[in-house]
Amino acid sequence: MSKYYDVTFHELSGKSVVKREIISDKEPFDAWEDACVSFTEDALNIRVNEEAFVTLNRRFVVRVDIEEVDGPVDKQIKRHDEIMGVVNTLSNMGF
């Protein structure tokens, strides 16, 4: 089953590249591979947005953080439930 992850690549310089809501069937430890367009022993090629690509030298990547997050459908369901809760509360108050 596919899960969604936020993947953050931290560089030695203190800068970081974040890829949000990466869908992956892999184990969380290997989900960073799906955040990359391609990778070699020396470089990670990452598409940041529609126009921008970043190449990170693997020697300078000091840490990769991977956090499991809700997918777009789960977020929409939660948002709908929150709105319905507010509507019910206002209805109970007489509004």
C-alpha atoms as a PDB file:
ATOM      1  CA  MET A   1       0.000   0.000   0.000  1.00  0.00           C
ATOM      2  CA  SER A   2       1.293   3.424  -0.916  1.00  0.00           C
ATOM      3  CA  LYS A   3       2.031   5.974   1.771  1.00  0.00           C
ATOM      4  CA  TYR A   4       2.852   9.662   1.608  1.00  0.00           C
ATOM      5  CA  TYR A   5       6.074  11.107   2.994  1.00  0.00           C
ATOM      6  CA  ASP A   6       7.744  14.485   3.435  1.00  0.00           C
ATOM      7  CA  VAL A   7      11.440  14.027   2.634  1.00  0.00           C
ATOM      8  CA  THR A   8      14.051  16.591   3.723  1.00  0.00           C
ATOM      9  CA  PHE A   9      17.637  16.451   2.452  1.00  0.00           C
ATOM     10  CA  HIS A  10      20.024  18.353   4.772  1.00  0.00           C
ATOM     11  CA  GLU A  11      23.350  19.583   3.426  1.00  0.00           C
ATOM     12  CA  LEU A  12      26.598  20.219   5.276  1.00  0.00           C
ATOM     13  CA  SER A  13      26.189  23.964   4.601  1.00  0.00           C
ATOM     14  CA  GLY A  14      22.978  24.026   6.656  1.00  0.00           C
ATOM     15  CA  LYS A  15      20.675  24.339   3.661  1.00  0.00           C
ATOM     16  CA  SER A  16      17.946  21.808   3.020  1.00  0.00           C
ATOM     17  CA  VAL A  17      15.698  20.668   0.183  1.00  0.00           C
ATOM     18  CA  VAL A  18      12.187  19.527   1.070  1.00  0.00           C
ATOM     19  CA  LYS A  19       9.933  17.351  -1.087  1.00  0.00           C
ATOM     20  CA  ARG A  20       6.375  17.174   0.218  1.00  0.00           C
ATOM     21  CA  GLU A  21       3.772  14.417  -0.154  1.00  0.00           C
ATOM     22  CA  ILE A  22       5.977  11.940  -1.992  1.00  0.00           C
ATOM     23  CA  ILE A  23       4.003   8.786  -2.695  1.00  0.00           C
ATOM     24  CA  SER A  24       5.990   5.590  -2.157  1.00  0.00           C
ATOM     25  CA  ASP A  25       5.438   1.852  -1.899  1.00  0.00           C
ATOM     26  CA  LYS A  26       8.890   1.429  -0.344  1.00  0.00           C
ATOM     27  CA  GLU A  27       9.835   1.177   3.306  1.00  0.00           C
ATOM     28  CA  PRO A  28      10.177   4.610   4.973  1.00  0.00           C
ATOM     29  CA  PHE A  29      13.974   4.267   5.099  1.00  0.00           C
ATOM     30  CA  ASP A  30      14.087   3.948   1.279  1.00  0.00           C
ATOM     31  CA  ALA A  31      11.384   6.515   0.426  1.00  0.00           C
ATOM     32  CA  TRP A  32      14.059   9.142  -0.324  1.00  0.00           C
ATOM     33  CA  GLU A  33      14.679   7.321  -3.619  1.00  0.00           C
ATOM     34  CA  ASP A  34      11.156   8.202  -4.799  1.00  0.00           C
ATOM     35  CA  ALA A  35      11.796  11.873  -3.961  1.00  0.00           C
ATOM     36  CA  CYS A  36      14.623  11.911  -6.520  1.00  0.00           C
ATOM     37  CA  VAL A  37      14.186  12.009 -10.284  1.00  0.00           C
ATOM     38  CA  SER A  38      17.437  10.032 -10.476  1.00  0.00           C
ATOM     39  CA  PHE A  39      20.456   9.330  -8.312  1.00  0.00           C
ATOM     40  CA  THR A  40      23.981   8.021  -8.696  1.00  0.00           C
ATOM     41  CA  GLU A  41      26.798   7.270  -6.282  1.00  0.00           C
ATOM     42  CA  ASP A  42      27.868  10.924  -6.518  1.00  0.00           C
ATOM     43  CA  ALA A  43      24.670  12.965  -6.972  1.00  0.00           C
ATOM     44  CA  LEU A  44      20.966  13.220  -6.174  1.00  0.00           C
ATOM     45  CA  ASN A  45      18.835  14.873  -8.872  1.00  0.00           C
ATOM     46  CA  ILE A  46      15.643  16.352  -7.418  1.00  0.00           C
ATOM     47  CA  ARG A  47      12.812  18.181  -9.150  1.00  0.00           C
ATOM     48  CA  VAL A  48      11.791  20.965  -6.782  1.00  0.00           C
ATOM     49  CA  ASN A  49       8.879  22.310  -8.849  1.00  0.00           C
ATOM     50  CA  GLU A  50       7.790  22.462 -12.492  1.00  0.00           C
ATOM     51  CA  GLU A  51      10.721  24.652 -13.585  1.00  0.00           C
ATOM     52  CA  ALA A  52      13.466  23.985 -11.046  1.00  0.00           C
ATOM     53  CA  PHE A  53      15.792  21.039 -10.681  1.00  0.00           C
ATOM     54  CA  VAL A  54      18.457  20.642  -7.986  1.00  0.00           C
ATOM     55  CA  THR A  55      21.516  18.403  -8.000  1.00  0.00           C
ATOM     56  CA  LEU A  56      22.918  17.594  -4.565  1.00  0.00           C
ATOM     57  CA  ASN A  57      26.409  16.182  -4.169  1.00  0.00           C
ATOM     58  CA  ARG A  58      25.977  13.098  -1.988  1.00  0.00           C
ATOM     59  CA  ARG A  59      29.236  13.834  -0.138  1.00  0.00           C
ATOM     60  CA  PHE A  60      27.621  16.961   1.298  1.00  0.00           C
ATOM     61  CA  VAL A  61      24.254  15.453   2.246  1.00  0.00           C
ATOM     62  CA  VAL A  62      24.559  14.879   5.989  1.00  0.00           C
ATOM     63  CA  ARG A  63      21.030  13.770   6.876  1.00  0.00           C
ATOM     64  CA  VAL A  64      17.755  12.759   5.259  1.00  0.00           C
ATOM     65  CA  ASP A  65      14.574  13.145   7.325  1.00  0.00           C
ATOM     66  CA  ILE A  66      11.517  11.156   6.286  1.00  0.00           C
ATOM     67  CA  GLU A  67       8.141  11.819   7.905  1.00  0.00           C
ATOM     68  CA  GLU A  68       4.949   9.953   7.069  1.00  0.00           C
ATOM     69  CA  VAL A  69       2.097  12.381   6.350  1.00  0.00           C
ATOM     70  CA  ASP A  70      -1.555  12.199   5.374  1.00  0.00           C
ATOM     71  CA  GLY A  71      -2.300  12.018   1.675  1.00  0.00           C
ATOM     72  CA  PRO A  72      -4.475  14.568  -0.145  1.00  0.00           C
ATOM     73  CA  VAL A  73      -7.639  12.475   0.276  1.00  0.00           C
ATOM     74  CA  ASP A  74      -7.084  12.076   4.029  1.00  0.00           C
ATOM     75  CA  LYS A  75      -6.542  15.827   4.376  1.00  0.00           C
ATOM     76  CA  GLN A  76      -9.765  16.557   2.513  1.00  0.00           C
ATOM     77  CA  ILE A  77     -11.727  14.142   4.736  1.00  0.00           C
ATOM     78  CA  LYS A  78     -10.309  15.752   7.905  1.00  0.00           C
ATOM     79  CA  ARG A  79     -11.090  19.232   6.592  1.00  0.00           C
ATOM     80  CA  HIS A  80     -14.664  18.181   5.771  1.00  0.00           C
ATOM     81  CA  ASP A  81     -15.089  16.654   9.247  1.00  0.00           C
ATOM     82  CA  GLU A  82     -13.800  19.851  10.877  1.00  0.00           C
ATOM     83  CA  ILE A  83     -16.219  22.006   8.875  1.00  0.00           C
ATOM     84  CA  MET A  84     -19.132  19.720   9.748  1.00  0.00           C
ATOM     85  CA  GLY A  85     -18.138  19.949  13.430  1.00  0.00           C
ATOM     86  CA  VAL A  86     -18.235  23.752  13.267  1.00  0.00           C
ATOM     87  CA  VAL A  87     -21.614  23.682  11.483  1.00  0.00           C
ATOM     88  CA  ASN A  88     -23.045  21.319  14.108  1.00  0.00           C
ATOM     89  CA  THR A  89     -21.721  23.470  16.950  1.00  0.00           C
ATOM     90  CA  LEU A  90     -23.219  26.630  15.452  1.00  0.00           C
ATOM     91  CA  SER A  91     -26.497  24.797  14.804  1.00  0.00           C
ATOM     92  CA  ASN A  92     -26.657  23.674  18.446  1.00  0.00           C
ATOM     93  CA  MET A  93     -26.087  27.295  19.515  1.00  0.00           C
ATOM     94  CA  GLY A  94     -29.100  28.378  17.461  1.00  0.00           C
ATOM     95  CA  PHE A  95     -27.329  29.983  14.521  1.00  0.00           C
END
